N, C-alpha and C. Protein backbone atom coordinates (compact mmCIF):
# COMPACT_ATOMS: atom_id res chain seq x y z
N MET A 1 -3.41 -13.29 -15.43
CA MET A 1 -4.47 -12.35 -16.04
C MET A 1 -3.86 -11.35 -16.99
N LYS A 2 -4.40 -10.86 -17.93
CA LYS A 2 -3.98 -10.07 -18.76
C LYS A 2 -4.11 -8.52 -18.28
N TYR A 3 -3.08 -7.56 -18.22
CA TYR A 3 -3.05 -6.34 -17.51
C TYR A 3 -3.89 -5.45 -18.38
N HIS A 4 -4.70 -4.61 -17.96
CA HIS A 4 -5.70 -3.61 -18.46
C HIS A 4 -5.44 -2.29 -17.60
N SER A 5 -4.72 -1.32 -18.09
CA SER A 5 -4.67 -0.14 -17.12
C SER A 5 -6.16 0.86 -16.81
N PHE A 6 -7.11 0.28 -17.56
CA PHE A 6 -8.28 0.88 -17.46
C PHE A 6 -8.65 1.11 -16.01
N TYR A 7 -8.71 0.09 -15.18
CA TYR A 7 -9.16 -0.05 -13.85
C TYR A 7 -8.38 0.87 -12.92
N PHE A 8 -7.32 0.83 -13.07
CA PHE A 8 -6.44 1.71 -12.40
C PHE A 8 -6.39 3.02 -12.50
N TYR A 9 -6.74 3.57 -13.66
CA TYR A 9 -6.75 4.97 -14.16
C TYR A 9 -8.14 5.50 -13.61
N GLN A 10 -9.12 4.70 -13.70
CA GLN A 10 -10.62 4.96 -13.62
C GLN A 10 -10.72 5.42 -11.92
N PHE A 11 -9.92 4.91 -11.02
CA PHE A 11 -9.78 5.30 -9.68
C PHE A 11 -8.69 5.88 -9.10
N GLN A 12 -7.71 6.25 -9.89
CA GLN A 12 -6.52 6.78 -9.34
C GLN A 12 -6.73 8.22 -8.86
N HIS A 13 -7.79 9.20 -9.49
CA HIS A 13 -7.80 10.49 -9.17
C HIS A 13 -8.64 10.25 -7.55
N PRO A 14 -9.53 9.65 -7.53
CA PRO A 14 -10.55 9.65 -6.34
C PRO A 14 -9.45 8.95 -4.97
N MET A 15 -8.65 8.00 -5.52
CA MET A 15 -7.52 7.77 -4.52
C MET A 15 -6.56 8.71 -4.25
N LYS A 16 -6.12 9.58 -5.11
CA LYS A 16 -5.01 10.47 -4.86
C LYS A 16 -5.87 11.44 -4.20
N LYS A 17 -7.09 11.80 -4.16
CA LYS A 17 -7.67 12.93 -3.28
C LYS A 17 -7.66 12.34 -2.04
N VAL A 18 -8.09 11.24 -1.84
CA VAL A 18 -7.95 10.77 -0.29
C VAL A 18 -6.76 10.90 0.22
N LEU A 19 -5.69 10.31 -0.48
CA LEU A 19 -4.22 10.12 0.11
C LEU A 19 -3.49 11.55 -0.03
N VAL A 20 -4.12 12.59 -0.45
CA VAL A 20 -3.36 13.95 -0.32
C VAL A 20 -4.13 14.54 1.08
N GLU A 21 -5.13 14.42 1.11
CA GLU A 21 -5.98 14.83 2.39
C GLU A 21 -5.41 14.42 3.55
N LYS A 22 -4.92 12.99 3.57
CA LYS A 22 -4.61 12.31 4.79
C LYS A 22 -3.25 12.41 5.11
N TYR A 23 -2.29 12.14 4.05
CA TYR A 23 -0.89 11.90 4.07
C TYR A 23 -0.11 13.04 3.48
N GLY A 24 -0.61 13.87 2.63
CA GLY A 24 -0.03 15.00 1.95
C GLY A 24 0.34 14.53 0.50
N LYS A 25 0.84 15.59 -0.26
CA LYS A 25 0.66 15.61 -1.85
C LYS A 25 1.97 14.75 -2.23
N GLU A 26 3.09 14.88 -1.75
CA GLU A 26 4.45 14.29 -2.03
C GLU A 26 3.99 12.89 -1.63
N TYR A 27 3.63 12.37 -0.44
CA TYR A 27 3.44 10.95 -0.23
C TYR A 27 2.34 10.49 -0.95
N ALA A 28 1.28 11.02 -1.48
CA ALA A 28 0.37 10.56 -2.24
C ALA A 28 0.96 10.29 -3.91
N LYS A 29 1.52 11.09 -4.47
CA LYS A 29 2.57 11.00 -5.42
C LYS A 29 3.17 9.84 -5.55
N ASN A 30 4.16 9.61 -4.53
CA ASN A 30 5.06 8.45 -4.34
C ASN A 30 4.26 7.05 -4.29
N ILE A 31 3.20 6.91 -3.44
CA ILE A 31 2.39 6.04 -3.35
C ILE A 31 1.48 5.35 -4.63
N LEU A 32 1.18 6.50 -5.30
CA LEU A 32 0.58 6.06 -6.76
C LEU A 32 1.40 5.67 -7.41
N LYS A 33 2.67 6.29 -7.59
CA LYS A 33 3.71 5.91 -8.68
C LYS A 33 3.92 4.39 -8.45
N LYS A 34 4.31 4.02 -7.12
CA LYS A 34 4.43 2.59 -6.81
C LYS A 34 3.45 1.48 -7.02
N SER A 35 2.17 2.29 -6.84
CA SER A 35 1.05 1.53 -6.86
C SER A 35 0.48 0.87 -8.21
N LYS A 36 0.96 1.93 -9.24
CA LYS A 36 0.81 1.67 -10.61
C LYS A 36 1.74 0.36 -10.78
N ILE A 37 2.98 0.15 -10.56
CA ILE A 37 3.72 -0.90 -10.63
C ILE A 37 3.21 -2.34 -10.00
N ILE A 38 3.03 -2.19 -8.79
CA ILE A 38 2.41 -3.12 -8.05
C ILE A 38 1.30 -3.77 -8.63
N TYR A 39 0.30 -2.88 -9.02
CA TYR A 39 -0.89 -3.17 -9.33
C TYR A 39 -0.89 -4.26 -10.71
N ARG A 40 0.27 -3.63 -11.79
CA ARG A 40 0.58 -4.43 -12.83
C ARG A 40 0.92 -5.96 -12.54
N LYS A 41 1.84 -5.79 -11.55
CA LYS A 41 2.36 -7.08 -11.15
C LYS A 41 1.12 -8.17 -10.24
N LEU A 42 0.46 -7.53 -9.88
CA LEU A 42 -0.60 -8.41 -9.03
C LEU A 42 -1.56 -8.63 -10.03
N VAL A 43 -2.15 -8.11 -11.16
CA VAL A 43 -2.88 -8.28 -12.17
C VAL A 43 -2.28 -9.64 -12.94
N GLU A 44 -1.12 -9.36 -13.51
CA GLU A 44 -0.26 -10.10 -14.19
C GLU A 44 0.11 -11.57 -13.68
N GLU A 45 0.27 -11.67 -12.29
CA GLU A 45 0.37 -12.95 -11.50
C GLU A 45 -1.10 -13.47 -11.20
N ALA A 46 -2.10 -13.07 -11.28
CA ALA A 46 -3.20 -13.33 -10.84
C ALA A 46 -3.69 -14.81 -11.96
N ASP A 47 -4.29 -15.51 -11.39
CA ASP A 47 -5.03 -16.68 -12.10
C ASP A 47 -5.73 -16.07 -12.75
N ASP A 48 -5.57 -16.57 -14.36
CA ASP A 48 -6.62 -15.97 -15.51
C ASP A 48 -7.86 -16.89 -15.38
N ILE A 49 -9.10 -16.14 -14.88
CA ILE A 49 -10.41 -16.59 -14.92
C ILE A 49 -11.17 -16.41 -15.91
N GLY A 50 -10.58 -15.78 -17.05
CA GLY A 50 -11.36 -15.75 -18.37
C GLY A 50 -11.94 -14.09 -18.24
N ASN A 51 -11.74 -13.58 -19.64
CA ASN A 51 -12.41 -12.22 -19.81
C ASN A 51 -13.93 -12.13 -19.78
N ASP A 52 -14.55 -13.24 -20.11
CA ASP A 52 -15.96 -13.26 -20.17
C ASP A 52 -16.63 -13.69 -18.43
N ASN A 53 -15.61 -13.96 -17.69
CA ASN A 53 -16.14 -14.44 -16.26
C ASN A 53 -16.45 -12.94 -15.63
N PRO A 54 -17.81 -13.05 -15.21
CA PRO A 54 -18.18 -11.56 -14.31
C PRO A 54 -17.01 -11.16 -13.13
N MET A 55 -16.70 -12.32 -12.47
CA MET A 55 -15.63 -11.86 -11.61
C MET A 55 -14.26 -11.32 -11.66
N ALA A 56 -13.91 -11.40 -13.10
CA ALA A 56 -12.93 -10.57 -13.63
C ALA A 56 -12.74 -9.38 -13.30
N TYR A 57 -13.95 -8.49 -13.60
CA TYR A 57 -14.07 -7.06 -13.09
C TYR A 57 -13.81 -6.95 -11.75
N ASN A 58 -14.48 -7.63 -10.91
CA ASN A 58 -14.30 -7.49 -9.56
C ASN A 58 -12.87 -7.81 -8.79
N GLU A 59 -12.23 -8.68 -9.40
CA GLU A 59 -11.01 -8.98 -8.99
C GLU A 59 -9.79 -7.82 -9.30
N MET A 60 -9.93 -7.36 -10.80
CA MET A 60 -9.28 -6.14 -11.14
C MET A 60 -9.50 -5.10 -10.10
N PHE A 61 -10.82 -4.73 -10.00
CA PHE A 61 -11.20 -3.96 -9.21
C PHE A 61 -10.64 -3.80 -7.89
N ALA A 62 -10.66 -5.24 -7.20
CA ALA A 62 -10.28 -5.07 -5.72
C ALA A 62 -8.87 -4.97 -5.81
N LEU A 63 -7.86 -5.27 -6.94
CA LEU A 63 -6.43 -5.12 -6.75
C LEU A 63 -6.01 -3.53 -7.19
N VAL A 64 -6.90 -3.02 -7.56
CA VAL A 64 -6.74 -1.30 -7.46
C VAL A 64 -6.36 -0.76 -6.08
N PHE A 65 -7.41 -1.27 -5.15
CA PHE A 65 -7.04 -0.68 -3.76
C PHE A 65 -6.05 -1.40 -2.86
N VAL A 66 -5.93 -2.74 -3.35
CA VAL A 66 -4.78 -3.36 -2.81
C VAL A 66 -3.41 -2.99 -2.64
N ALA A 67 -3.21 -2.21 -4.33
CA ALA A 67 -1.81 -2.01 -4.52
C ALA A 67 -1.48 -0.97 -3.75
N PRO A 68 -2.22 0.21 -3.74
CA PRO A 68 -1.47 1.25 -2.57
C PRO A 68 -1.35 0.80 -1.28
N TYR A 69 -2.06 0.03 -1.03
CA TYR A 69 -1.84 -0.48 0.54
C TYR A 69 -0.72 -1.27 0.71
N LEU A 70 -0.14 -2.10 -0.46
CA LEU A 70 0.97 -2.78 -0.55
C LEU A 70 2.22 -1.77 -0.65
N ALA A 71 1.96 -0.84 -1.63
CA ALA A 71 2.95 0.10 -1.97
C ALA A 71 3.25 0.80 -0.65
N SER A 72 2.64 1.29 0.39
CA SER A 72 2.77 1.91 1.59
C SER A 72 3.33 0.83 2.49
N GLU A 73 3.80 -0.10 2.14
CA GLU A 73 4.19 -1.24 2.99
C GLU A 73 3.26 -1.29 4.13
N LYS A 74 1.95 -1.38 3.93
CA LYS A 74 0.80 -1.71 4.68
C LYS A 74 0.47 -0.58 5.99
N GLU A 75 1.16 0.64 5.55
CA GLU A 75 1.04 1.57 6.46
C GLU A 75 -0.36 2.52 6.42
N ILE A 76 -0.65 2.35 5.16
CA ILE A 76 -1.97 3.15 4.99
C ILE A 76 -3.19 2.45 5.58
N ALA A 77 -3.83 3.06 6.25
CA ALA A 77 -5.25 2.09 7.13
C ALA A 77 -5.98 1.74 6.14
N PRO A 78 -6.67 0.61 6.35
CA PRO A 78 -7.73 0.33 5.49
C PRO A 78 -9.25 0.82 5.24
N GLU A 79 -9.11 1.73 6.48
CA GLU A 79 -10.55 2.54 6.47
C GLU A 79 -9.74 3.84 7.12
N PRO A 80 -10.49 4.99 6.33
CA PRO A 80 -10.26 6.34 6.66
C PRO A 80 -10.72 6.60 7.86
N SER A 81 -9.86 7.42 9.01
CA SER A 81 -10.40 7.54 10.36
C SER A 81 -11.44 8.79 10.12
N ARG A 82 -12.53 8.61 10.82
CA ARG A 82 -13.42 9.58 10.94
C ARG A 82 -13.21 10.76 11.79
N LYS A 83 -13.94 11.79 11.41
CA LYS A 83 -13.59 13.12 12.04
C LYS A 83 -14.91 13.50 12.88
């Protein structure tokens, strides 16, 4: 699929906020830096389902949240712990 940075940048700040709160500023910075590279790779390697396909948005949106998980080597919990 063709890479568009829009989706990653749209959710970068909310993700960073959660990562900073839970793991610290330096860790969050490193994970997001790695995530950007991984996100691009995931999108470019994904099957092209067409720009006019409504599921293309869903796929690119979901990969934004998969990228930090993979960048952390699956150490980030899928769900934040509740207080």
